Amino acid sequence: MERLALTPMFWQNPIRPNHFRLVYSDKIVEASAKECVGLERWAVWTPESIEQRLRDYYEGKENFYVQRNKEAWALAEDTAKLEH
């Protein structure tokens, strides 16, 4: 059976913000900030948060959690620029 290749999410260490990992369904690997740009932050979602995210999506509204991810992407992009 062929396995579906899923896009990983990224994890950023809250204590060491320049330390990133890519989170796949079956493994976690070290990564650079540049590799994390554009990926969604790995997080635990409560049922209520999932429902709100879906409601906001279908109502065309900005979602708090998605906005927070965008801020994390911006931080990853800034960190990636510093790596050069």
PDB file of N, CA and C in Angstrom:
ATOM      1  N   MET A   1       0.830  -1.173   0.000  1.00  0.00           N
ATOM      2  CA  MET A   1       0.000   0.000   0.000  1.00  0.00           C
ATOM      3  C   MET A   1       0.886   1.253   0.000  1.00  0.00           C
ATOM      4  N   GLU A   2       0.589   2.172  -0.869  1.00  0.00           N
ATOM      5  CA  GLU A   2       1.361   3.406  -0.958  1.00  0.00           C
ATOM      6  C   GLU A   2       0.954   4.352   0.173  1.00  0.00           C
ATOM      7  N   ARG A   3       1.946   4.939   0.825  1.00  0.00           N
ATOM      8  CA  ARG A   3       1.681   5.869   1.923  1.00  0.00           C
ATOM      9  C   ARG A   3       1.502   7.280   1.390  1.00  0.00           C
ATOM     10  N   LEU A   4       0.590   7.997   1.964  1.00  0.00           N
ATOM     11  CA  LEU A   4       0.341   9.373   1.610  1.00  0.00           C
ATOM     12  C   LEU A   4       1.402  10.257   2.261  1.00  0.00           C
ATOM     13  N   ALA A   5       2.052  11.084   1.470  1.00  0.00           N
ATOM     14  CA  ALA A   5       3.057  11.997   2.008  1.00  0.00           C
ATOM     15  C   ALA A   5       2.352  13.232   2.557  1.00  0.00           C
ATOM     16  N   LEU A   6       2.444  13.424   3.856  1.00  0.00           N
ATOM     17  CA  LEU A   6       1.799  14.557   4.494  1.00  0.00           C
ATOM     18  C   LEU A   6       2.801  15.682   4.720  1.00  0.00           C
ATOM     19  N   THR A   7       2.325  16.898   4.635  1.00  0.00           N
ATOM     20  CA  THR A   7       3.169  18.045   4.928  1.00  0.00           C
ATOM     21  C   THR A   7       3.418  18.081   6.428  1.00  0.00           C
ATOM     22  N   PRO A   8       4.665  18.243   6.837  1.00  0.00           N
ATOM     23  CA  PRO A   8       4.931  18.288   8.282  1.00  0.00           C
ATOM     24  C   PRO A   8       4.473  19.611   8.881  1.00  0.00           C
ATOM     25  N   MET A   9       4.412  19.641  10.191  1.00  0.00           N
ATOM     26  CA  MET A   9       4.202  20.875  10.940  1.00  0.00           C
ATOM     27  C   MET A   9       5.533  21.188  11.608  1.00  0.00           C
ATOM     28  N   PHE A  10       5.648  22.397  12.154  1.00  0.00           N
ATOM     29  CA  PHE A  10       6.892  22.696  12.842  1.00  0.00           C
ATOM     30  C   PHE A  10       6.656  22.934  14.325  1.00  0.00           C
ATOM     31  N   TRP A  11       7.685  22.650  15.100  1.00  0.00           N
ATOM     32  CA  TRP A  11       7.694  22.899  16.529  1.00  0.00           C
ATOM     33  C   TRP A  11       8.872  23.808  16.815  1.00  0.00           C
ATOM     34  N   GLN A  12       8.635  24.821  17.633  1.00  0.00           N
ATOM     35  CA  GLN A  12       9.686  25.745  18.029  1.00  0.00           C
ATOM     36  C   GLN A  12       9.839  25.683  19.535  1.00  0.00           C
ATOM     37  N   ASN A  13      11.047  25.509  19.991  1.00  0.00           N
ATOM     38  CA  ASN A  13      11.321  25.409  21.412  1.00  0.00           C
ATOM     39  C   ASN A  13      11.032  26.748  22.083  1.00  0.00           C
ATOM     40  N   PRO A  14      10.134  26.789  23.071  1.00  0.00           N
ATOM     41  CA  PRO A  14       9.812  28.060  23.719  1.00  0.00           C
ATOM     42  C   PRO A  14      10.965  28.618  24.562  1.00  0.00           C
ATOM     43  N   ILE A  15      11.872  27.763  24.996  1.00  0.00           N
ATOM     44  CA  ILE A  15      13.025  28.208  25.796  1.00  0.00           C
ATOM     45  C   ILE A  15      14.175  28.645  24.890  1.00  0.00           C
ATOM     46  N   ARG A  16      14.381  27.908  23.814  1.00  0.00           N
ATOM     47  CA  ARG A  16      15.437  28.219  22.832  1.00  0.00           C
ATOM     48  C   ARG A  16      14.757  28.499  21.489  1.00  0.00           C
ATOM     49  N   PRO A  17      14.292  29.737  21.252  1.00  0.00           N
ATOM     50  CA  PRO A  17      13.481  30.036  20.069  1.00  0.00           C
ATOM     51  C   PRO A  17      14.180  29.832  18.727  1.00  0.00           C
ATOM     52  N   ASN A  18      15.484  29.627  18.714  1.00  0.00           N
ATOM     53  CA  ASN A  18      16.182  29.331  17.458  1.00  0.00           C
ATOM     54  C   ASN A  18      16.285  27.833  17.195  1.00  0.00           C
ATOM     55  N   HIS A  19      15.617  27.025  18.003  1.00  0.00           N
ATOM     56  CA  HIS A  19      15.648  25.568  17.872  1.00  0.00           C
ATOM     57  C   HIS A  19      14.304  25.097  17.332  1.00  0.00           C
ATOM     58  N   PHE A  20      14.322  24.486  16.137  1.00  0.00           N
ATOM     59  CA  PHE A  20      13.111  24.057  15.449  1.00  0.00           C
ATOM     60  C   PHE A  20      13.160  22.561  15.154  1.00  0.00           C
ATOM     61  N   ARG A  21      11.967  21.984  15.004  1.00  0.00           N
ATOM     62  CA  ARG A  21      11.840  20.589  14.574  1.00  0.00           C
ATOM     63  C   ARG A  21      10.672  20.482  13.605  1.00  0.00           C
ATOM     64  N   LEU A  22      10.774  19.540  12.678  1.00  0.00           N
ATOM     65  CA  LEU A  22       9.663  19.205  11.787  1.00  0.00           C
ATOM     66  C   LEU A  22       8.961  17.994  12.378  1.00  0.00           C
ATOM     67  N   VAL A  23       7.654  18.064  12.473  1.00  0.00           N
ATOM     68  CA  VAL A  23       6.862  16.992  13.069  1.00  0.00           C
ATOM     69  C   VAL A  23       6.062  16.314  11.963  1.00  0.00           C
ATOM     70  N   TYR A  24       6.410  15.059  11.689  1.00  0.00           N
ATOM     71  CA  TYR A  24       5.701  14.227  10.726  1.00  0.00           C
ATOM     72  C   TYR A  24       4.781  13.289  11.499  1.00  0.00           C
ATOM     73  N   SER A  25       3.941  12.562  10.801  1.00  0.00           N
ATOM     74  CA  SER A  25       3.038  11.630  11.490  1.00  0.00           C
ATOM     75  C   SER A  25       3.791  10.491  12.169  1.00  0.00           C
ATOM     76  N   ASP A  26       4.988  10.173  11.679  1.00  0.00           N
ATOM     77  CA  ASP A  26       5.713   9.031  12.237  1.00  0.00           C
ATOM     78  C   ASP A  26       7.100   9.361  12.788  1.00  0.00           C
ATOM     79  N   LYS A  27       7.498  10.641  12.721  1.00  0.00           N
ATOM     80  CA  LYS A  27       8.828  10.997  13.237  1.00  0.00           C
ATOM     81  C   LYS A  27       8.928  12.503  13.463  1.00  0.00           C
ATOM     82  N   ILE A  28       9.939  12.881  14.229  1.00  0.00           N
ATOM     83  CA  ILE A  28      10.260  14.286  14.486  1.00  0.00           C
ATOM     84  C   ILE A  28      11.735  14.458  14.180  1.00  0.00           C
ATOM     85  N   VAL A  29      12.074  15.463  13.370  1.00  0.00           N
ATOM     86  CA  VAL A  29      13.474  15.672  12.981  1.00  0.00           C
ATOM     87  C   VAL A  29      13.878  17.121  13.217  1.00  0.00           C
ATOM     88  N   GLU A  30      15.161  17.321  13.500  1.00  0.00           N
ATOM     89  CA  GLU A  30      15.710  18.665  13.664  1.00  0.00           C
ATOM     90  C   GLU A  30      15.542  19.443  12.361  1.00  0.00           C
ATOM     91  N   ALA A  31      15.361  20.758  12.463  1.00  0.00           N
ATOM     92  CA  ALA A  31      15.154  21.577  11.271  1.00  0.00           C
ATOM     93  C   ALA A  31      15.716  22.976  11.502  1.00  0.00           C
ATOM     94  N   SER A  32      15.921  23.660  10.405  1.00  0.00           N
ATOM     95  CA  SER A  32      16.301  25.071  10.474  1.00  0.00           C
ATOM     96  C   SER A  32      15.029  25.904  10.428  1.00  0.00           C
ATOM     97  N   ALA A  33      15.143  27.152  10.798  1.00  0.00           N
ATOM     98  CA  ALA A  33      13.994  28.055  10.717  1.00  0.00           C
ATOM     99  C   ALA A  33      13.516  28.166   9.276  1.00  0.00           C
ATOM    100  N   LYS A  34      14.452  28.172   8.339  1.00  0.00           N
ATOM    101  CA  LYS A  34      14.104  28.296   6.919  1.00  0.00           C
ATOM    102  C   LYS A  34      13.209  27.149   6.463  1.00  0.00           C
ATOM    103  N   GLU A  35      13.446  25.950   6.970  1.00  0.00           N
ATOM    104  CA  GLU A  35      12.635  24.789   6.602  1.00  0.00           C
ATOM    105  C   GLU A  35      11.217  24.882   7.157  1.00  0.00           C
ATOM    106  N   CYS A  36      11.018  25.712   8.172  1.00  0.00           N
ATOM    107  CA  CYS A  36       9.711  25.824   8.830  1.00  0.00           C
ATOM    108  C   CYS A  36       8.831  26.920   8.248  1.00  0.00           C
ATOM    109  N   VAL A  37       9.414  27.783   7.443  1.00  0.00           N
ATOM    110  CA  VAL A  37       8.661  28.903   6.885  1.00  0.00           C
ATOM    111  C   VAL A  37       7.486  28.385   6.065  1.00  0.00           C
ATOM    112  N   GLY A  38       6.292  28.890   6.354  1.00  0.00           N
ATOM    113  CA  GLY A  38       5.091  28.507   5.621  1.00  0.00           C
ATOM    114  C   GLY A  38       4.371  27.284   6.158  1.00  0.00           C
ATOM    115  N   LEU A  39       4.997  26.574   7.104  1.00  0.00           N
ATOM    116  CA  LEU A  39       4.346  25.404   7.692  1.00  0.00           C
ATOM    117  C   LEU A  39       3.505  25.818   8.885  1.00  0.00           C
ATOM    118  N   GLU A  40       2.515  25.017   9.207  1.00  0.00           N
ATOM    119  CA  GLU A  40       1.687  25.300  10.368  1.00  0.00           C
ATOM    120  C   GLU A  40       2.406  24.842  11.627  1.00  0.00           C
ATOM    121  N   ARG A  41       2.230  25.617  12.686  1.00  0.00           N
ATOM    122  CA  ARG A  41       2.831  25.262  13.974  1.00  0.00           C
ATOM    123  C   ARG A  41       2.119  24.025  14.534  1.00  0.00           C
ATOM    124  N   TRP A  42       2.908  23.086  15.056  1.00  0.00           N
ATOM    125  CA  TRP A  42       2.358  21.885  15.669  1.00  0.00           C
ATOM    126  C   TRP A  42       1.741  22.291  16.999  1.00  0.00           C
ATOM    127  N   ALA A  43       0.523  21.856  17.239  1.00  0.00           N
ATOM    128  CA  ALA A  43      -0.178  22.235  18.457  1.00  0.00           C
ATOM    129  C   ALA A  43      -1.213  21.189  18.809  1.00  0.00           C
ATOM    130  N   VAL A  44      -1.622  21.220  20.046  1.00  0.00           N
ATOM    131  CA  VAL A  44      -2.715  20.373  20.508  1.00  0.00           C
ATOM    132  C   VAL A  44      -3.985  21.209  20.422  1.00  0.00           C
ATOM    133  N   TRP A  45      -5.005  20.661  19.764  1.00  0.00           N
ATOM    134  CA  TRP A  45      -6.256  21.387  19.566  1.00  0.00           C
ATOM    135  C   TRP A  45      -7.354  20.788  20.443  1.00  0.00           C
ATOM    136  N   THR A  46      -8.052  21.649  21.153  1.00  0.00           N
ATOM    137  CA  THR A  46      -9.216  21.186  21.907  1.00  0.00           C
ATOM    138  C   THR A  46     -10.395  21.087  20.941  1.00  0.00           C
ATOM    139  N   PRO A  47     -11.379  20.284  21.253  1.00  0.00           N
ATOM    140  CA  PRO A  47     -12.547  20.192  20.366  1.00  0.00           C
ATOM    141  C   PRO A  47     -13.193  21.558  20.105  1.00  0.00           C
ATOM    142  N   GLU A  48     -13.259  22.403  21.138  1.00  0.00           N
ATOM    143  CA  GLU A  48     -13.859  23.726  20.971  1.00  0.00           C
ATOM    144  C   GLU A  48     -13.054  24.602  20.017  1.00  0.00           C
ATOM    145  N   SER A  49     -11.734  24.500  20.086  1.00  0.00           N
ATOM    146  CA  SER A  49     -10.877  25.284  19.187  1.00  0.00           C
ATOM    147  C   SER A  49     -11.048  24.837  17.744  1.00  0.00           C
ATOM    148  N   ILE A  50     -11.181  23.533  17.543  1.00  0.00           N
ATOM    149  CA  ILE A  50     -11.391  23.002  16.199  1.00  0.00           C
ATOM    150  C   ILE A  50     -12.723  23.487  15.646  1.00  0.00           C
ATOM    151  N   GLU A  51     -13.761  23.417  16.468  1.00  0.00           N
ATOM    152  CA  GLU A  51     -15.082  23.885  16.034  1.00  0.00           C
ATOM    153  C   GLU A  51     -15.042  25.368  15.666  1.00  0.00           C
ATOM    154  N   GLN A  52     -14.365  26.176  16.489  1.00  0.00           N
ATOM    155  CA  GLN A  52     -14.287  27.612  16.218  1.00  0.00           C
ATOM    156  C   GLN A  52     -13.500  27.878  14.942  1.00  0.00           C
ATOM    157  N   ARG A  53     -12.420  27.134  14.747  1.00  0.00           N
ATOM    158  CA  ARG A  53     -11.622  27.323  13.530  1.00  0.00           C
ATOM    159  C   ARG A  53     -12.454  26.998  12.290  1.00  0.00           C
ATOM    160  N   LEU A  54     -13.225  25.922  12.342  1.00  0.00           N
ATOM    161  CA  LEU A  54     -14.078  25.561  11.208  1.00  0.00           C
ATOM    162  C   LEU A  54     -15.189  26.590  10.998  1.00  0.00           C
ATOM    163  N   ARG A  55     -15.802  27.048  12.075  1.00  0.00           N
ATOM    164  CA  ARG A  55     -16.849  28.083  11.956  1.00  0.00           C
ATOM    165  C   ARG A  55     -16.283  29.347  11.318  1.00  0.00           C
ATOM    166  N   ASP A  56     -15.132  29.781  11.828  1.00  0.00           N
ATOM    167  CA  ASP A  56     -14.513  30.992  11.284  1.00  0.00           C
ATOM    168  C   ASP A  56     -14.158  30.825   9.818  1.00  0.00           C
ATOM    169  N   TYR A  57     -13.638  29.660   9.458  1.00  0.00           N
ATOM    170  CA  TYR A  57     -13.273  29.402   8.065  1.00  0.00           C
ATOM    171  C   TYR A  57     -14.492  29.536   7.149  1.00  0.00           C
ATOM    172  N   TYR A  58     -15.578  28.871   7.502  1.00  0.00           N
ATOM    173  CA  TYR A  58     -16.770  28.878   6.647  1.00  0.00           C
ATOM    174  C   TYR A  58     -17.525  30.203   6.691  1.00  0.00           C
ATOM    175  N   GLU A  59     -17.303  31.000   7.735  1.00  0.00           N
ATOM    176  CA  GLU A  59     -17.920  32.321   7.806  1.00  0.00           C
ATOM    177  C   GLU A  59     -17.005  33.411   7.248  1.00  0.00           C
ATOM    178  N   GLY A  60     -15.821  33.002   6.779  1.00  0.00           N
ATOM    179  CA  GLY A  60     -14.890  33.964   6.187  1.00  0.00           C
ATOM    180  C   GLY A  60     -14.249  34.900   7.210  1.00  0.00           C
ATOM    181  N   LYS A  61     -14.163  34.464   8.456  1.00  0.00           N
ATOM    182  CA  LYS A  61     -13.597  35.289   9.525  1.00  0.00           C
ATOM    183  C   LYS A  61     -12.166  34.867   9.823  1.00  0.00           C
ATOM    184  N   GLU A  62     -11.374  35.809  10.342  1.00  0.00           N
ATOM    185  CA  GLU A  62     -10.024  35.510  10.808  1.00  0.00           C
ATOM    186  C   GLU A  62     -10.140  34.721  12.111  1.00  0.00           C
ATOM    187  N   ASN A  63      -9.362  33.669  12.240  1.00  0.00           N
ATOM    188  CA  ASN A  63      -9.377  32.851  13.442  1.00  0.00           C
ATOM    189  C   ASN A  63      -8.185  33.198  14.325  1.00  0.00           C
ATOM    190  N   PHE A  64      -8.424  33.302  15.626  1.00  0.00           N
ATOM    191  CA  PHE A  64      -7.382  33.660  16.580  1.00  0.00           C
ATOM    192  C   PHE A  64      -6.182  32.726  16.472  1.00  0.00           C
ATOM    193  N   TYR A  65      -6.423  31.428  16.393  1.00  0.00           N
ATOM    194  CA  TYR A  65      -5.336  30.450  16.371  1.00  0.00           C
ATOM    195  C   TYR A  65      -4.559  30.501  15.056  1.00  0.00           C
ATOM    196  N   VAL A  66      -5.260  30.711  13.972  1.00  0.00           N
ATOM    197  CA  VAL A  66      -4.588  30.842  12.674  1.00  0.00           C
ATOM    198  C   VAL A  66      -3.736  32.109  12.677  1.00  0.00           C
ATOM    199  N   GLN A  67      -4.260  33.201  13.232  1.00  0.00           N
ATOM    200  CA  GLN A  67      -3.500  34.443  13.327  1.00  0.00           C
ATOM    201  C   GLN A  67      -2.237  34.247  14.144  1.00  0.00           C
ATOM    202  N   ARG A  68      -2.366  33.516  15.244  1.00  0.00           N
ATOM    203  CA  ARG A  68      -1.198  33.231  16.081  1.00  0.00           C
ATOM    204  C   ARG A  68      -0.169  32.423  15.300  1.00  0.00           C
ATOM    205  N   ASN A  69      -0.633  31.492  14.453  1.00  0.00           N
ATOM    206  CA  ASN A  69       0.294  30.736  13.612  1.00  0.00           C
ATOM    207  C   ASN A  69       1.015  31.656  12.637  1.00  0.00           C
ATOM    208  N   LYS A  70       0.301  32.633  12.083  1.00  0.00           N
ATOM    209  CA  LYS A  70       0.932  33.573  11.155  1.00  0.00           C
ATOM    210  C   LYS A  70       2.045  34.351  11.853  1.00  0.00           C
ATOM    211  N   GLU A  71       1.817  34.703  13.112  1.00  0.00           N
ATOM    212  CA  GLU A  71       2.848  35.390  13.885  1.00  0.00           C
ATOM    213  C   GLU A  71       4.054  34.473  14.090  1.00  0.00           C
ATOM    214  N   ALA A  72       3.795  33.193  14.317  1.00  0.00           N
ATOM    215  CA  ALA A  72       4.884  32.223  14.470  1.00  0.00           C
ATOM    216  C   ALA A  72       5.640  32.068  13.155  1.00  0.00           C
ATOM    217  N   TRP A  73       4.913  32.071  12.017  1.00  0.00           N
ATOM    218  CA  TRP A  73       5.578  31.992  10.715  1.00  0.00           C
ATOM    219  C   TRP A  73       6.493  33.190  10.518  1.00  0.00           C
ATOM    220  N   ALA A  74       6.013  34.376  10.910  1.00  0.00           N
ATOM    221  CA  ALA A  74       6.821  35.584  10.765  1.00  0.00           C
ATOM    222  C   ALA A  74       8.100  35.467  11.593  1.00  0.00           C
ATOM    223  N   LEU A  75       7.992  34.932  12.808  1.00  0.00           N
ATOM    224  CA  LEU A  75       9.164  34.739  13.643  1.00  0.00           C
ATOM    225  C   LEU A  75      10.124  33.731  12.995  1.00  0.00           C
ATOM    226  N   ALA A  76       9.584  32.649  12.435  1.00  0.00           N
ATOM    227  CA  ALA A  76      10.431  31.666  11.755  1.00  0.00           C
ATOM    228  C   ALA A  76      11.113  32.300  10.558  1.00  0.00           C
ATOM    229  N   GLU A  77      10.401  33.138   9.809  1.00  0.00           N
ATOM    230  CA  GLU A  77      11.014  33.818   8.653  1.00  0.00           C
ATOM    231  C   GLU A  77      12.127  34.755   9.110  1.00  0.00           C
ATOM    232  N   ASP A  78      11.876  35.503  10.185  1.00  0.00           N
ATOM    233  CA  ASP A  78      12.912  36.408  10.710  1.00  0.00           C
ATOM    234  C   ASP A  78      14.136  35.627  11.168  1.00  0.00           C
ATOM    235  N   THR A  79      13.907  34.507  11.849  1.00  0.00           N
ATOM    236  CA  THR A  79      15.016  33.673  12.310  1.00  0.00           C
ATOM    237  C   THR A  79      15.777  33.096  11.122  1.00  0.00           C
ATOM    238  N   ALA A  80      15.045  32.689  10.076  1.00  0.00           N
ATOM    239  CA  ALA A  80      15.681  32.122   8.882  1.00  0.00           C
ATOM    240  C   ALA A  80      16.585  33.163   8.224  1.00  0.00           C
ATOM    241  N   LYS A  81      16.155  34.422   8.202  1.00  0.00           N
ATOM    242  CA  LYS A  81      16.967  35.482   7.616  1.00  0.00           C
ATOM    243  C   LYS A  81      18.262  35.677   8.404  1.00  0.00           C
ATOM    244  N   LEU A  82      18.194  35.503   9.726  1.00  0.00           N
ATOM    245  CA  LEU A  82      19.360  35.658  10.559  1.00  0.00           C
ATOM    246  C   LEU A  82      20.361  34.518  10.387  1.00  0.00           C
ATOM    247  N   GLU A  83      19.889  33.371   9.893  1.00  0.00           N
ATOM    248  CA  GLU A  83      20.778  32.213   9.709  1.00  0.00           C
ATOM    249  C   GLU A  83      21.771  32.418   8.579  1.00  0.00           C
ATOM    250  N   HIS A  84      21.490  33.352   7.682  1.00  0.00           N
ATOM    251  CA  HIS A  84      22.385  33.573   6.530  1.00  0.00           C
ATOM    252  C   HIS A  84      23.574  34.365   6.893  1.00  0.00           C
TER     253      HIS A  84
END
